[in-house]
Protein backbone atom coordinates (compact mmCIF):
# COMPACT_ATOMS: atom_id res chain seq x y z
CA MET A 1 28.84 8.55 15.52
CA VAL A 2 27.93 6.27 12.55
CA PRO A 3 28.12 2.70 13.76
CA ASP A 4 30.41 0.21 12.03
CA VAL A 5 28.23 -2.51 10.34
CA PHE A 6 30.82 -5.12 11.15
CA ALA A 7 31.21 -4.13 14.96
CA PRO A 8 29.31 -5.99 17.73
CA ALA A 9 25.80 -4.65 18.48
CA GLU A 10 22.89 -5.05 20.74
CA LEU A 11 19.41 -6.24 19.50
CA GLY A 12 17.39 -6.03 22.63
CA PRO A 13 18.96 -8.16 25.28
CA VAL A 14 21.05 -10.13 22.70
CA ARG A 15 24.56 -9.19 21.61
CA LEU A 16 25.42 -9.78 18.05
CA ARG A 17 28.88 -9.87 16.59
CA ASN A 18 27.91 -7.51 13.78
CA ARG A 19 25.01 -5.77 12.34
CA VAL A 20 24.20 -8.14 9.24
CA VAL A 21 21.33 -10.47 9.43
CA LYS A 22 20.73 -13.40 7.22
CA ALA A 23 17.10 -12.68 6.31
CA ALA A 24 14.30 -15.48 6.48
CA THR A 25 14.49 -17.40 3.15
CA PHE A 26 12.21 -20.36 2.88
CA GLU A 27 14.61 -23.09 2.90
CA GLY A 28 12.73 -26.10 1.31
CA ARG A 29 14.74 -28.50 3.40
CA THR A 30 12.25 -30.08 5.82
CA PRO A 31 10.29 -32.59 3.58
CA HIS A 32 8.66 -34.29 6.77
CA GLY A 33 8.17 -30.99 8.80
CA GLN A 34 11.35 -31.60 10.88
CA VAL A 35 14.80 -30.12 11.15
CA THR A 36 17.21 -31.97 8.95
CA ASP A 37 20.91 -31.98 8.53
CA GLU A 38 20.34 -30.15 5.27
CA LEU A 39 18.50 -27.29 6.91
CA ILE A 40 21.27 -26.98 9.58
CA ASP A 41 23.91 -26.89 6.87
CA PHE A 42 21.89 -24.20 5.02
CA HIS A 43 22.21 -21.97 8.12
CA LEU A 44 25.67 -22.81 9.02
CA ALA A 45 27.09 -21.65 5.72
CA PRO A 46 26.25 -17.95 6.13
CA CYS A 47 26.96 -18.16 9.90
CA ARG A 48 30.54 -19.41 9.10
CA GLY A 49 30.65 -16.83 6.44
CA GLY A 50 30.24 -13.92 8.94
CA VAL A 51 26.57 -12.90 9.61
CA GLY A 52 25.77 -11.89 13.04
CA LEU A 53 22.29 -13.45 12.98
CA THR A 54 20.53 -16.13 10.82
CA THR A 55 16.90 -16.34 10.50
CA VAL A 56 14.90 -19.63 10.16
CA ALA A 57 11.95 -19.07 7.91
CA TYR A 58 8.33 -19.96 8.21
CA LEU A 59 8.04 -21.71 11.61
CA ALA A 60 4.23 -22.29 11.87
CA VAL A 61 2.49 -21.81 15.26
CA ALA A 62 -0.38 -24.16 14.26
CA PRO A 63 -0.79 -27.03 11.55
CA GLU A 64 -3.21 -24.91 9.57
CA GLY A 65 -0.66 -22.08 9.69
CA ARG A 66 1.86 -23.79 7.47
CA THR A 67 2.28 -22.67 3.98
CA HIS A 68 2.19 -26.40 3.06
CA ARG A 69 2.60 -29.63 4.92
CA GLU A 70 6.48 -29.79 4.77
CA VAL A 71 6.74 -26.65 7.00
CA ILE A 72 7.84 -27.00 10.51
CA THR A 73 5.12 -26.59 13.07
CA VAL A 74 6.61 -25.40 16.42
CA ASP A 75 5.50 -28.13 18.88
CA ALA A 76 6.78 -30.79 21.14
CA GLY A 77 7.61 -33.00 18.03
CA SER A 78 9.91 -30.37 16.57
CA ALA A 79 11.59 -29.07 19.70
CA ALA A 80 14.54 -31.31 19.79
CA GLY A 81 15.48 -30.70 16.27
CA LEU A 82 15.13 -26.92 16.78
CA ALA A 83 17.44 -27.17 19.65
CA ARG A 84 19.93 -29.00 17.54
CA LEU A 85 19.94 -26.25 15.06
CA ALA A 86 20.39 -23.59 17.58
CA ASP A 87 23.28 -25.36 19.15
CA ALA A 88 24.98 -25.78 15.76
CA VAL A 89 24.64 -22.02 14.81
CA HIS A 90 25.97 -21.00 18.22
CA GLU A 91 29.10 -22.99 17.69
CA THR A 92 29.85 -20.65 14.75
CA GLY A 93 29.48 -17.60 17.03
CA ALA A 94 26.43 -16.34 15.40
CA LYS A 95 23.01 -16.10 16.86
CA ILE A 96 19.79 -17.48 15.63
CA ALA A 97 16.33 -16.10 15.02
CA GLY A 98 13.09 -18.07 14.42
CA GLN A 99 10.45 -16.58 12.11
CA LEU A 100 7.08 -17.30 14.06
CA GLY A 101 4.04 -17.03 11.89
CA HIS A 102 0.69 -18.31 10.81
CA ALA A 103 0.25 -18.38 6.89
CA GLY A 104 -3.34 -17.58 6.91
CA PRO A 105 -4.46 -17.12 3.33
CA VAL A 106 -1.16 -18.01 2.16
CA ALA A 107 -1.39 -21.59 3.41
CA ASN A 108 -2.26 -24.30 1.03
CA GLY A 109 -5.38 -25.88 2.77
CA ARG A 110 -5.25 -28.98 0.60
CA SER A 111 -1.62 -29.82 1.25
CA ASN A 112 -2.21 -29.13 4.84
CA GLY A 113 -5.40 -31.27 5.13
CA VAL A 114 -7.31 -28.36 6.75
CA HIS A 115 -8.80 -25.32 5.26
CA ALA A 116 -6.93 -22.12 5.64
CA LEU A 117 -7.84 -18.97 7.68
CA ALA A 118 -7.97 -15.44 6.82
CA ALA A 119 -9.49 -12.21 8.16
CA SER A 120 -12.47 -12.62 5.78
CA ARG A 121 -13.72 -15.39 3.64
CA MET A 122 -11.97 -15.56 0.18
CA PRO A 123 -11.08 -18.14 -2.47
CA SER A 124 -7.58 -19.74 -2.48
CA PRO A 125 -5.61 -19.92 -5.67
CA LEU A 126 -3.39 -22.27 -3.99
CA SER A 127 -5.77 -25.00 -2.92
CA MET A 128 -8.72 -24.17 -5.13
CA GLN A 129 -10.74 -23.98 -1.83
CA MET A 130 -12.49 -21.36 0.03
CA ILE A 131 -10.45 -19.82 2.82
CA ARG A 132 -12.84 -19.38 5.87
CA SER A 133 -12.96 -16.34 8.04
CA ALA A 134 -11.31 -16.64 11.45
CA THR A 135 -13.72 -16.93 14.36
CA GLU A 136 -13.34 -15.46 17.66
CA SER A 137 -12.24 -18.80 19.11
CA ASP A 138 -9.68 -19.08 16.29
CA ILE A 139 -8.25 -15.78 17.13
CA THR A 140 -8.03 -16.88 20.84
CA ARG A 141 -6.47 -20.33 19.96
CA ILE A 142 -3.93 -18.89 17.72
CA THR A 143 -2.87 -16.16 20.21
CA ARG A 144 -2.25 -19.01 22.65
CA ASP A 145 -0.41 -20.93 19.83
CA TYR A 146 1.90 -18.00 19.58
CA VAL A 147 2.54 -18.16 23.15
CA ARG A 148 3.29 -21.80 23.25
CA ALA A 149 5.52 -21.56 20.21
CA ALA A 150 7.47 -18.71 21.68
CA ARG A 151 8.18 -20.81 24.79
CA ILE A 152 9.47 -23.82 22.87
CA MET A 153 11.74 -21.57 20.78
CA VAL A 154 13.29 -20.01 23.98
CA ASP A 155 13.69 -23.41 25.60
CA ALA A 156 15.23 -24.65 22.28
CA GLY A 157 17.98 -21.91 22.69
CA PHE A 158 16.81 -19.46 20.03
CA ASP A 159 18.07 -15.88 20.57
CA VAL A 160 15.55 -13.96 18.61
CA LEU A 161 11.85 -14.37 17.79
CA GLU A 162 10.68 -12.67 14.65
CA ILE A 163 6.79 -12.41 14.41
CA HIS A 164 5.79 -12.34 10.73
CA MET A 165 3.30 -9.59 10.25
CA ALA A 166 3.79 -9.00 6.46
CA HIS A 167 3.40 -10.57 2.98
CA GLY A 168 -0.25 -11.37 3.21
CA TYR A 169 -0.07 -13.90 6.01
CA LEU A 170 -2.76 -13.99 8.71
CA LEU A 171 -1.75 -11.11 10.81
CA SER A 172 -1.20 -9.14 7.69
CA SER A 173 -4.54 -10.21 6.24
CA PHE A 174 -6.38 -8.48 9.26
CA LEU A 175 -4.25 -5.32 8.68
CA ALA A 176 -5.21 -4.85 5.00
CA PRO A 177 -8.44 -3.13 4.46
CA GLY A 178 -8.98 -4.73 1.08
CA GLN A 179 -8.71 -8.18 2.70
CA ASN A 180 -10.41 -7.59 6.03
CA ARG A 181 -14.08 -6.97 5.54
CA ARG A 182 -15.16 -7.67 9.05
CA LYS A 183 -17.86 -5.90 10.80
CA ASP A 184 -16.82 -6.94 14.43
CA GLY A 185 -14.06 -5.45 16.67
CA TRP A 186 -11.37 -6.93 14.46
CA GLY A 187 -12.31 -4.97 11.39
CA GLY A 188 -12.93 -1.54 10.11
CA SER A 189 -10.68 1.10 11.57
CA LEU A 190 -6.77 0.57 11.53
CA GLU A 191 -6.97 0.39 15.31
CA ASN A 192 -9.33 -2.74 15.08
CA ARG A 193 -7.42 -4.23 12.11
CA ALA A 194 -4.19 -3.96 14.02
CA ARG A 195 -5.69 -5.59 17.27
CA PHE A 196 -4.58 -9.01 16.44
CA ALA A 197 -1.01 -8.36 15.46
CA ARG A 198 -0.52 -5.98 18.47
CA GLN A 199 -2.17 -8.66 20.72
CA VAL A 200 0.22 -11.42 19.56
CA ALA A 201 3.33 -9.09 20.06
CA ARG A 202 2.20 -8.37 23.59
CA VAL A 203 1.56 -12.05 24.52
CA VAL A 204 4.80 -13.08 23.12
CA ARG A 205 6.79 -10.50 25.02
CA GLU A 206 4.81 -11.31 28.19
CA GLU A 207 5.81 -14.88 27.77
CA VAL A 208 9.59 -14.56 27.00
CA GLY A 209 10.53 -11.45 29.01
CA ASP A 210 14.04 -10.29 28.24
CA ALA A 211 15.20 -13.81 27.71
CA VAL A 212 15.24 -13.16 23.97
CA ALA A 213 14.91 -10.30 21.41
CA VAL A 214 11.39 -9.97 19.87
CA THR A 215 11.24 -8.40 16.49
CA ALA A 216 8.44 -8.20 13.91
CA LYS A 217 8.55 -8.30 10.02
CA VAL A 218 6.29 -5.56 8.75
CA GLY A 219 5.13 -4.91 5.25
CA MET A 220 5.64 -1.21 4.45
CA THR A 221 3.34 -1.70 1.42
CA GLU A 222 2.05 -4.77 -0.35
CA GLY A 223 2.16 -3.20 -3.82
CA SER A 224 -1.52 -3.78 -4.32
CA ARG A 225 -4.76 -1.74 -3.80
CA ALA A 226 -6.14 -4.73 -1.96
CA GLY A 227 -3.04 -4.65 0.39
CA PHE A 228 -1.70 -2.94 3.29
CA SER A 229 -0.29 0.56 2.13
CA MET A 230 2.31 3.02 3.32
CA PRO A 231 0.45 5.65 5.39
CA GLU A 232 -1.25 3.03 7.39
CA SER A 233 1.73 0.94 7.80
CA VAL A 234 3.71 3.92 9.09
CA GLU A 235 0.85 4.48 11.59
CA PHE A 236 0.92 0.84 12.48
CA ALA A 237 4.62 0.98 13.13
CA GLN A 238 3.99 3.84 15.52
CA MET A 239 1.44 1.70 17.33
CA LEU A 240 3.89 -1.02 17.80
CA GLU A 241 6.50 1.37 19.07
CA ALA A 242 4.16 2.95 21.60
CA ASP A 243 3.18 -0.63 22.94
CA GLY A 244 6.83 -1.29 23.81
CA HIS A 245 6.94 -4.90 23.16
CA LEU A 246 9.31 -5.15 20.23
CA ASP A 247 13.18 -4.68 20.14
CA ALA A 248 13.22 -3.86 16.26
CA LEU A 249 11.05 -3.96 13.15
CA GLU A 250 12.33 -5.58 9.79
CA LEU A 251 10.87 -3.52 7.02
CA SER A 252 9.58 -5.50 4.08
CA ALA A 253 7.20 -5.24 1.13
CA GLY A 254 5.00 -7.18 -1.17
CA SER A 255 2.62 -9.93 -0.87
CA SER A 256 2.85 -13.67 -1.55
CA LEU A 257 -0.83 -13.64 -2.80
CA LEU A 258 -0.95 -10.09 -4.36
CA ASN A 259 2.28 -9.01 -5.59
CA PRO A 260 5.30 -11.43 -4.75
CA MET A 261 7.76 -9.64 -7.28
CA TYR A 262 7.31 -6.30 -5.22
CA LEU A 263 9.74 -7.79 -2.69
CA PHE A 264 12.15 -9.28 -5.02
CA ARG A 265 12.57 -7.10 -8.16
CA GLY A 266 14.77 -8.23 -11.23
CA ASP A 267 14.09 -11.08 -13.58
CA VAL A 268 10.91 -13.13 -13.30
CA PRO A 269 11.17 -16.78 -13.57
CA ARG A 270 7.59 -17.50 -14.63
CA GLN A 271 8.40 -20.70 -16.54
CA GLU A 272 10.58 -22.14 -13.73
CA PHE A 273 7.67 -21.44 -11.21
CA ALA A 274 5.02 -22.86 -13.48
CA ALA A 275 7.04 -26.23 -13.83
CA ASN A 276 6.63 -26.68 -10.12
CA MET A 277 2.92 -25.99 -9.76
CA PRO A 278 0.05 -28.49 -9.91
CA PRO A 279 -1.53 -28.87 -13.46
CA LEU A 280 -4.39 -26.58 -12.63
CA VAL A 281 -2.32 -23.77 -11.20
CA ARG A 282 0.13 -24.27 -14.14
CA TRP A 283 -2.71 -23.72 -16.60
CA GLY A 284 -3.88 -20.67 -14.64
CA MET A 285 -0.28 -18.98 -14.78
CA LYS A 286 -0.56 -19.29 -18.67
CA THR A 287 -3.66 -17.05 -18.69
CA PRO A 288 -3.44 -13.18 -18.91
CA LEU A 289 -4.46 -12.98 -15.16
CA GLY A 290 -1.73 -15.52 -14.25
CA LYS A 291 0.89 -13.76 -16.39
CA GLY A 292 0.01 -10.54 -14.64
CA PHE A 293 0.50 -11.98 -11.18
CA PHE A 294 4.40 -11.84 -11.52
CA LYS A 295 4.72 -8.19 -12.35
CA GLU A 296 8.05 -6.97 -13.54
CA TYR A 297 10.16 -4.47 -11.57
CA PRO A 298 13.79 -3.70 -12.63
CA PHE A 299 16.32 -4.28 -9.88
CA GLU A 300 18.11 -1.56 -8.17
CA GLU A 301 20.35 -1.57 -5.25
CA ALA A 302 18.52 -1.19 -2.14
CA PHE A 303 15.30 -0.80 -3.73
CA LEU A 304 13.26 -0.45 -0.49
CA ARG A 305 15.55 2.33 0.91
CA GLU A 306 13.25 5.31 0.18
CA LYS A 307 10.27 3.77 1.73
CA ALA A 308 12.34 2.67 4.66
CA LEU A 309 13.57 6.25 5.18
CA THR A 310 9.98 7.26 5.83
CA PHE A 311 9.66 4.78 8.68
CA ARG A 312 13.09 5.85 9.94
CA MET A 313 11.71 9.41 10.23
CA ALA A 314 8.48 8.24 11.81
CA VAL A 315 9.76 5.86 14.72
CA ASN A 316 12.57 5.63 16.94
CA LEU A 317 12.52 1.69 17.16
CA PRO A 318 15.73 -0.03 15.83
CA LEU A 319 15.13 -0.80 12.28
CA ILE A 320 16.37 -3.69 9.96
CA MET A 321 16.63 -2.58 6.34
CA LEU A 322 16.45 -5.10 3.52
CA GLY A 323 15.88 -5.26 -0.16
CA GLY A 324 18.59 -5.90 -2.50
CA ILE A 325 21.55 -5.10 -0.24
CA ASN A 326 24.58 -6.21 -2.10
CA THR A 327 27.51 -3.82 -1.38
CA ARG A 328 29.49 -2.57 1.44
CA ALA A 329 28.88 0.93 0.47
CA THR A 330 25.12 0.34 0.66
CA MET A 331 25.51 -1.22 4.10
CA GLU A 332 27.56 1.65 5.39
CA ARG A 333 25.07 4.15 3.89
CA ALA A 334 22.23 2.33 5.80
CA MET A 335 24.25 2.95 9.08
CA ALA A 336 24.70 6.69 8.28
CA GLU A 337 20.97 7.05 7.63
CA GLY A 338 20.04 5.59 11.07
CA PHE A 339 19.28 2.00 10.41
CA GLU A 340 20.63 -0.32 13.13
CA PHE A 341 20.82 -3.35 10.97
CA VAL A 342 20.87 -4.62 7.41
CA ALA A 343 19.39 -7.94 6.25
CA MET A 344 20.71 -9.90 3.28
CA ALA A 345 19.03 -12.97 1.46
CA ARG A 346 19.79 -13.60 -2.23
CA ALA A 347 23.36 -12.28 -2.01
CA LEU A 348 24.19 -14.79 0.63
CA LEU A 349 22.60 -17.64 -1.46
CA ARG A 350 25.19 -16.99 -3.99
CA GLU A 351 28.12 -16.27 -1.59
CA PRO A 352 27.59 -17.50 1.89
CA ASP A 353 30.90 -16.01 2.89
CA LEU A 354 30.23 -12.53 1.38
CA VAL A 355 30.16 -10.88 4.92
CA HIS A 356 33.72 -12.04 5.67
CA ARG A 357 34.95 -10.93 2.25
CA LEU A 358 33.28 -7.58 2.57
CA GLN A 359 34.65 -6.90 6.00
CA GLY A 360 38.07 -8.19 5.06
CA GLY A 361 38.32 -5.84 1.96
CA ARG A 362 38.50 -8.91 -0.33
CA ALA A 363 35.28 -7.69 -2.14
CA SER A 364 33.20 -4.51 -2.29
CA GLU A 365 30.10 -6.08 -3.75
CA GLY A 366 28.34 -9.34 -3.95
CA ALA A 367 28.27 -11.44 -7.19
CA CYS A 368 24.41 -12.06 -7.22
CA ILE A 369 23.03 -11.06 -10.46
CA HIS A 370 19.34 -10.85 -9.46
CA CYS A 371 18.24 -13.38 -11.86
CA ASN A 372 15.70 -14.80 -9.41
CA GLN A 373 16.24 -18.27 -10.55
CA CYS A 374 16.59 -19.10 -6.71
CA MET A 375 12.96 -18.48 -6.30
CA PRO A 376 11.57 -21.59 -7.88
CA THR A 377 13.92 -23.75 -6.08
CA ILE A 378 12.13 -23.51 -2.88
CA TYR A 379 10.38 -26.62 -3.93
CA THR A 380 13.52 -28.60 -4.21
CA GLY A 381 15.90 -26.88 -1.81
CA THR A 382 16.52 -23.00 -2.06
CA ARG A 383 19.78 -22.49 -3.63
CA CYS A 384 21.66 -20.24 -6.16
CA THR A 385 21.22 -22.08 -9.58
CA VAL A 386 24.24 -20.05 -10.99
CA LEU A 387 26.29 -22.13 -8.66
CA ASP A 388 24.71 -25.37 -10.06
CA SER A 389 26.10 -24.55 -13.43
CA LEU A 390 29.71 -23.67 -12.31
């Protein structure tokens, strides 16, 4: 039987009221690296609007793992605020996920006050510094950081832990052969390049047991020759399934450093992004190389569906499909094609109550026009700018 996307469902040990996930979207509401009332309100809106699970974005496991200094680091200092956020979400009847990650080369070392890390040494276009290659001791320390952060999140009342393994972040930088030039046991073959991500999944599961669900965001392809690509990503997903530590995979694409628009599709807000950048980066965005960074891809409904179907045929793990999901028909087709959950982001920025409206028959599709003007607002509080003008 094809499951009802609006009916209750199990995600590992967690029961959700429906199969709709609010995907992690950087909120831009933690100016001092702490949970704020504004962050709570950001998540309460789609929860009151009907989603089964909301995902808090970019919770760093270590200070140098923040994308920039305003990002929350999961530690003793942020624990009380995270518990307050979880309690508020639970009052709506929804569940809450925390996206645990280490930004790696996507981190702005200058903003964080500490150099960024990657699988291999490389220049940073964000900080204009060199990103250093992670040492054995770094890998050991960061693995422990994931364990510590996972325990704090569980104690704070979170229901799901999403391990970020995509978009060019640290674990992803180890996976990508064009970025991982290591000659040790963490580089070379896919088995070696996948060791770090698999190790993190294992220790997190060992720490939390069945107290919460553990998922991973995996990049099917980064849309770049230097990034992770489909054939190896499918094999990596099969490794994760065989390991048995995860309850689901969320299938994403693109890279924050190599090809960000591959994940979003639609209009490219180059000028708006440049206006929020430091002067040197702003100048670089005007060069041919900078202009080519934001590639153009036309929007189409469920634009990652075909790639996701390849993974659906290759693994039995529950899969969360995302990528421009904007209609009830697409959500129902995803269920019919074997996906267990669907994730939405931009559509819920425009209409936080969209799930209730779709479920109640008051709408068949969302009003998001995929202008992507919401993307540059991550620096001032992520929001739909169309609503600002109404």
